[in-house]
Amino acid sequence: MASFSNILNSYWLWREISSKLNLSNPVYKYWKDTPHIKLNNKYVFIKKNTLPEKYRYIEQELTDLSGYMPVRYAADQLNINSHVFTYEKMRLYSNFEYKYVNDVKFVNIRRFFTEHGIKCSKSSVMHLGKIKDLEITLESRFYNLDGVYGIVIYD
């Protein structure tokens, strides 16, 4: 399974934390023992079990994002336009599971990869698209999704 689909297994969405605790947006920057990451220069995630002691109680109420990615980040990693995940009329839309957390749409990449038997390493480059548009080489692995769309993994 793609390593990028596992990145949020250990993180909470900052937007959810700040709204539940009614905290100002940049306060996490001042928590020295609370690592965070930023995806697509837009979404901030706080490492699980590192919130300051007085806020730890909130972790029981937060949404588990294991296997999920924000739609735009997932689209960037799969080298496809994010409209595939945003419009129900798109052919591949129903192949994915979605979750909304504080108005941020997430897509379950882990489930998609597991269901289609797609395997790749941390350094793999992926391209999801119409089969006719994919560049399939001898060094790549190709997965046919539905006869029209496929995914190529370049190691």
C-alpha atoms as a PDB file:
ATOM      1  CA  MET A   1       0.000   0.000   0.000  1.00  0.00           C
ATOM      2  CA  ALA A   2       1.186   3.502  -0.698  1.00  0.00           C
ATOM      3  CA  SER A   3       3.063   5.122   2.150  1.00  0.00           C
ATOM      4  CA  PHE A   4       1.236   8.396   1.592  1.00  0.00           C
ATOM      5  CA  SER A   5      -2.043   6.685   2.549  1.00  0.00           C
ATOM      6  CA  ASN A   6      -0.616   5.896   5.987  1.00  0.00           C
ATOM      7  CA  ILE A   7       0.712   9.353   6.808  1.00  0.00           C
ATOM      8  CA  LEU A   8      -2.354  10.457   8.796  1.00  0.00           C
ATOM      9  CA  ASN A   9      -2.626   7.292  10.895  1.00  0.00           C
ATOM     10  CA  SER A  10      -0.819   9.145  13.695  1.00  0.00           C
ATOM     11  CA  TYR A  11      -2.353  12.607  13.288  1.00  0.00           C
ATOM     12  CA  TRP A  12      -5.478  14.630  14.089  1.00  0.00           C
ATOM     13  CA  LEU A  13      -6.855  17.421  11.927  1.00  0.00           C
ATOM     14  CA  TRP A  14      -5.979  20.746  13.580  1.00  0.00           C
ATOM     15  CA  ARG A  15      -9.163  22.392  12.314  1.00  0.00           C
ATOM     16  CA  GLU A  16     -11.225  19.832  14.247  1.00  0.00           C
ATOM     17  CA  ILE A  17      -9.153  20.275  17.420  1.00  0.00           C
ATOM     18  CA  SER A  18      -9.319  24.063  17.311  1.00  0.00           C
ATOM     19  CA  SER A  19     -13.080  24.105  16.714  1.00  0.00           C
ATOM     20  CA  LYS A  20     -13.845  21.634  19.532  1.00  0.00           C
ATOM     21  CA  LEU A  21     -11.585  23.475  21.978  1.00  0.00           C
ATOM     22  CA  ASN A  22     -12.395  26.953  20.661  1.00  0.00           C
ATOM     23  CA  LEU A  23      -8.707  27.796  20.187  1.00  0.00           C
ATOM     24  CA  SER A  24      -7.204  30.369  17.866  1.00  0.00           C
ATOM     25  CA  ASN A  25      -5.661  29.046  14.677  1.00  0.00           C
ATOM     26  CA  PRO A  26      -1.908  29.506  15.250  1.00  0.00           C
ATOM     27  CA  VAL A  27      -1.774  28.375  18.895  1.00  0.00           C
ATOM     28  CA  TYR A  28      -0.367  24.936  17.956  1.00  0.00           C
ATOM     29  CA  LYS A  29       2.843  26.647  16.809  1.00  0.00           C
ATOM     30  CA  TYR A  30       3.618  27.513  20.439  1.00  0.00           C
ATOM     31  CA  TRP A  31       3.235  23.969  21.754  1.00  0.00           C
ATOM     32  CA  LYS A  32       6.875  22.850  21.815  1.00  0.00           C
ATOM     33  CA  ASP A  33       6.204  19.152  22.424  1.00  0.00           C
ATOM     34  CA  THR A  34       3.435  18.860  19.855  1.00  0.00           C
ATOM     35  CA  PRO A  35       4.753  18.003  16.372  1.00  0.00           C
ATOM     36  CA  HIS A  36       2.631  18.921  13.387  1.00  0.00           C
ATOM     37  CA  ILE A  37       2.685  18.515   9.616  1.00  0.00           C
ATOM     38  CA  LYS A  38       1.178  20.582   6.844  1.00  0.00           C
ATOM     39  CA  LEU A  39      -0.153  19.021   3.632  1.00  0.00           C
ATOM     40  CA  ASN A  40      -0.619  21.011   0.425  1.00  0.00           C
ATOM     41  CA  ASN A  41       0.352  24.122   2.348  1.00  0.00           C
ATOM     42  CA  LYS A  42      -3.248  24.176   3.572  1.00  0.00           C
ATOM     43  CA  TYR A  43      -4.117  21.451   6.071  1.00  0.00           C
ATOM     44  CA  VAL A  44      -2.396  21.219   9.454  1.00  0.00           C
ATOM     45  CA  PHE A  45      -2.314  17.956  11.380  1.00  0.00           C
ATOM     46  CA  ILE A  46      -1.235  17.461  14.995  1.00  0.00           C
ATOM     47  CA  LYS A  47       0.548  14.281  16.094  1.00  0.00           C
ATOM     48  CA  LYS A  48      -1.646  12.014  18.224  1.00  0.00           C
ATOM     49  CA  ASN A  49      -0.899  11.768  21.957  1.00  0.00           C
ATOM     50  CA  THR A  50       1.150  14.983  21.966  1.00  0.00           C
ATOM     51  CA  LEU A  51      -1.480  17.583  22.822  1.00  0.00           C
ATOM     52  CA  PRO A  52      -0.717  19.608  25.955  1.00  0.00           C
ATOM     53  CA  GLU A  53      -1.968  17.818  29.073  1.00  0.00           C
ATOM     54  CA  LYS A  54      -4.938  20.118  29.656  1.00  0.00           C
ATOM     55  CA  TYR A  55      -6.314  19.355  26.169  1.00  0.00           C
ATOM     56  CA  ARG A  56      -5.669  15.593  25.964  1.00  0.00           C
ATOM     57  CA  TYR A  57      -9.239  14.731  26.982  1.00  0.00           C
ATOM     58  CA  ILE A  58     -10.423  15.882  23.549  1.00  0.00           C
ATOM     59  CA  GLU A  59      -8.573  13.074  21.714  1.00  0.00           C
ATOM     60  CA  GLN A  60     -11.399  10.613  22.469  1.00  0.00           C
ATOM     61  CA  GLU A  61     -13.769  12.799  20.441  1.00  0.00           C
ATOM     62  CA  LEU A  62     -11.536  13.383  17.401  1.00  0.00           C
ATOM     63  CA  THR A  63     -12.003  11.681  14.041  1.00  0.00           C
ATOM     64  CA  ASP A  64      -9.574   8.886  13.175  1.00  0.00           C
ATOM     65  CA  LEU A  65      -8.072   9.599   9.752  1.00  0.00           C
ATOM     66  CA  SER A  66      -6.174   6.314   9.300  1.00  0.00           C
ATOM     67  CA  GLY A  67      -6.009   5.514   5.593  1.00  0.00           C
ATOM     68  CA  TYR A  68      -7.584   8.831   4.605  1.00  0.00           C
ATOM     69  CA  MET A  69      -6.063  11.804   2.802  1.00  0.00           C
ATOM     70  CA  PRO A  70      -7.429  15.257   2.005  1.00  0.00           C
ATOM     71  CA  VAL A  71      -8.840  15.098  -1.515  1.00  0.00           C
ATOM     72  CA  ARG A  72      -6.391  17.573  -3.067  1.00  0.00           C
ATOM     73  CA  TYR A  73      -3.348  15.924  -1.496  1.00  0.00           C
ATOM     74  CA  ALA A  74      -4.495  12.478  -2.676  1.00  0.00           C
ATOM     75  CA  ALA A  75      -5.066  13.837  -6.193  1.00  0.00           C
ATOM     76  CA  ASP A  76      -1.578  15.346  -6.244  1.00  0.00           C
ATOM     77  CA  GLN A  77      -0.017  12.068  -5.095  1.00  0.00           C
ATOM     78  CA  LEU A  78      -1.929  10.092  -7.738  1.00  0.00           C
ATOM     79  CA  ASN A  79      -1.164  12.677 -10.436  1.00  0.00           C
ATOM     80  CA  ILE A  80      -4.809  13.187 -11.295  1.00  0.00           C
ATOM     81  CA  ASN A  81      -7.154  16.173 -11.198  1.00  0.00           C
ATOM     82  CA  SER A  82      -9.036  16.412  -7.880  1.00  0.00           C
ATOM     83  CA  HIS A  83     -12.388  16.603  -9.698  1.00  0.00           C
ATOM     84  CA  VAL A  84     -12.330  12.773  -9.756  1.00  0.00           C
ATOM     85  CA  PHE A  85     -12.990  12.919  -5.998  1.00  0.00           C
ATOM     86  CA  THR A  86     -15.337  15.889  -5.956  1.00  0.00           C
ATOM     87  CA  TYR A  87     -18.050  15.171  -8.524  1.00  0.00           C
ATOM     88  CA  GLU A  88     -20.378  12.208  -8.096  1.00  0.00           C
ATOM     89  CA  LYS A  89     -20.819  11.973 -11.870  1.00  0.00           C
ATOM     90  CA  MET A  90     -17.149  11.102 -12.336  1.00  0.00           C
ATOM     91  CA  ARG A  91     -16.657   7.458 -13.279  1.00  0.00           C
ATOM     92  CA  LEU A  92     -14.247   6.640 -10.418  1.00  0.00           C
ATOM     93  CA  TYR A  93     -16.046   8.652  -7.719  1.00  0.00           C
ATOM     94  CA  SER A  94     -17.997   5.678  -6.331  1.00  0.00           C
ATOM     95  CA  ASN A  95     -14.837   3.530  -6.099  1.00  0.00           C
ATOM     96  CA  PHE A  96     -13.710   5.592  -3.121  1.00  0.00           C
ATOM     97  CA  GLU A  97     -14.969   6.052   0.414  1.00  0.00           C
ATOM     98  CA  TYR A  98     -15.232   9.642   1.661  1.00  0.00           C
ATOM     99  CA  LYS A  99     -15.377  11.361   5.033  1.00  0.00           C
ATOM    100  CA  TYR A 100     -15.957  14.993   5.962  1.00  0.00           C
ATOM    101  CA  VAL A 101     -14.249  16.479   9.013  1.00  0.00           C
ATOM    102  CA  ASN A 102     -14.914  20.152   9.708  1.00  0.00           C
ATOM    103  CA  ASP A 103     -15.727  20.855   6.054  1.00  0.00           C
ATOM    104  CA  VAL A 104     -12.585  19.116   4.812  1.00  0.00           C
ATOM    105  CA  LYS A 105     -13.271  16.216   2.452  1.00  0.00           C
ATOM    106  CA  PHE A 106     -11.087  13.143   2.866  1.00  0.00           C
ATOM    107  CA  VAL A 107     -10.787  10.097   0.614  1.00  0.00           C
ATOM    108  CA  ASN A 108      -9.938   6.605   1.882  1.00  0.00           C
ATOM    109  CA  ILE A 109      -6.912   5.688  -0.208  1.00  0.00           C
ATOM    110  CA  ARG A 110      -5.979   2.651   1.910  1.00  0.00           C
ATOM    111  CA  ARG A 111      -9.302   0.919   1.211  1.00  0.00           C
ATOM    112  CA  PHE A 112      -9.025   1.674  -2.517  1.00  0.00           C
ATOM    113  CA  PHE A 113      -5.492   0.264  -2.714  1.00  0.00           C
ATOM    114  CA  THR A 114      -6.449  -2.827  -0.694  1.00  0.00           C
ATOM    115  CA  GLU A 115      -9.562  -3.573  -2.778  1.00  0.00           C
ATOM    116  CA  HIS A 116      -7.593  -3.327  -6.027  1.00  0.00           C
ATOM    117  CA  GLY A 117      -4.499  -5.183  -4.764  1.00  0.00           C
ATOM    118  CA  ILE A 118      -2.279  -2.175  -5.493  1.00  0.00           C
ATOM    119  CA  LYS A 119       1.138  -2.321  -3.865  1.00  0.00           C
ATOM    120  CA  CYS A 120       3.868   0.288  -3.927  1.00  0.00           C
ATOM    121  CA  SER A 121       6.831   1.487  -1.918  1.00  0.00           C
ATOM    122  CA  LYS A 122       7.548   4.794  -0.213  1.00  0.00           C
ATOM    123  CA  SER A 123       9.523   6.007  -3.206  1.00  0.00           C
ATOM    124  CA  SER A 124       6.964   4.952  -5.823  1.00  0.00           C
ATOM    125  CA  VAL A 125       5.433   7.450  -8.197  1.00  0.00           C
ATOM    126  CA  MET A 126       1.815   6.776  -9.087  1.00  0.00           C
ATOM    127  CA  HIS A 127      -0.374   7.867 -11.945  1.00  0.00           C
ATOM    128  CA  LEU A 128      -4.112   7.235 -11.968  1.00  0.00           C
ATOM    129  CA  GLY A 129      -5.868   8.001 -15.226  1.00  0.00           C
ATOM    130  CA  LYS A 130      -7.512   6.770 -18.383  1.00  0.00           C
ATOM    131  CA  ILE A 131      -5.622   3.761 -19.695  1.00  0.00           C
ATOM    132  CA  LYS A 132      -5.109   5.401 -23.088  1.00  0.00           C
ATOM    133  CA  ASP A 133      -3.313   8.320 -21.370  1.00  0.00           C
ATOM    134  CA  LEU A 134      -1.015   6.272 -19.120  1.00  0.00           C
ATOM    135  CA  GLU A 135       2.614   5.619 -19.933  1.00  0.00           C
ATOM    136  CA  ILE A 136       3.176   1.944 -19.176  1.00  0.00           C
ATOM    137  CA  THR A 137       6.824   0.884 -19.237  1.00  0.00           C
ATOM    138  CA  LEU A 138       8.626  -2.403 -18.608  1.00  0.00           C
ATOM    139  CA  GLU A 139       9.808  -1.090 -15.224  1.00  0.00           C
ATOM    140  CA  SER A 140       6.307  -0.067 -14.096  1.00  0.00           C
ATOM    141  CA  ARG A 141       3.390  -2.045 -12.687  1.00  0.00           C
ATOM    142  CA  PHE A 142      -0.041  -1.519 -14.222  1.00  0.00           C
ATOM    143  CA  TYR A 143      -3.388  -2.131 -12.505  1.00  0.00           C
ATOM    144  CA  ASN A 144      -6.521  -2.103 -14.664  1.00  0.00           C
ATOM    145  CA  LEU A 145      -9.350  -0.640 -12.565  1.00  0.00           C
ATOM    146  CA  ASP A 146     -12.398  -0.866 -14.824  1.00  0.00           C
ATOM    147  CA  GLY A 147     -11.330  -1.191 -18.445  1.00  0.00           C
ATOM    148  CA  VAL A 148     -11.212   2.582 -18.890  1.00  0.00           C
ATOM    149  CA  TYR A 149      -9.130   3.705 -15.897  1.00  0.00           C
ATOM    150  CA  GLY A 150      -5.948   2.267 -14.518  1.00  0.00           C
ATOM    151  CA  ILE A 151      -3.073   3.069 -12.229  1.00  0.00           C
ATOM    152  CA  VAL A 152       0.615   2.766 -13.031  1.00  0.00           C
ATOM    153  CA  ILE A 153       3.244   2.443 -10.292  1.00  0.00           C
ATOM    154  CA  TYR A 154       6.758   3.547 -11.158  1.00  0.00           C
ATOM    155  CA  ASP A 155       9.383   2.276  -8.681  1.00  0.00           C
END
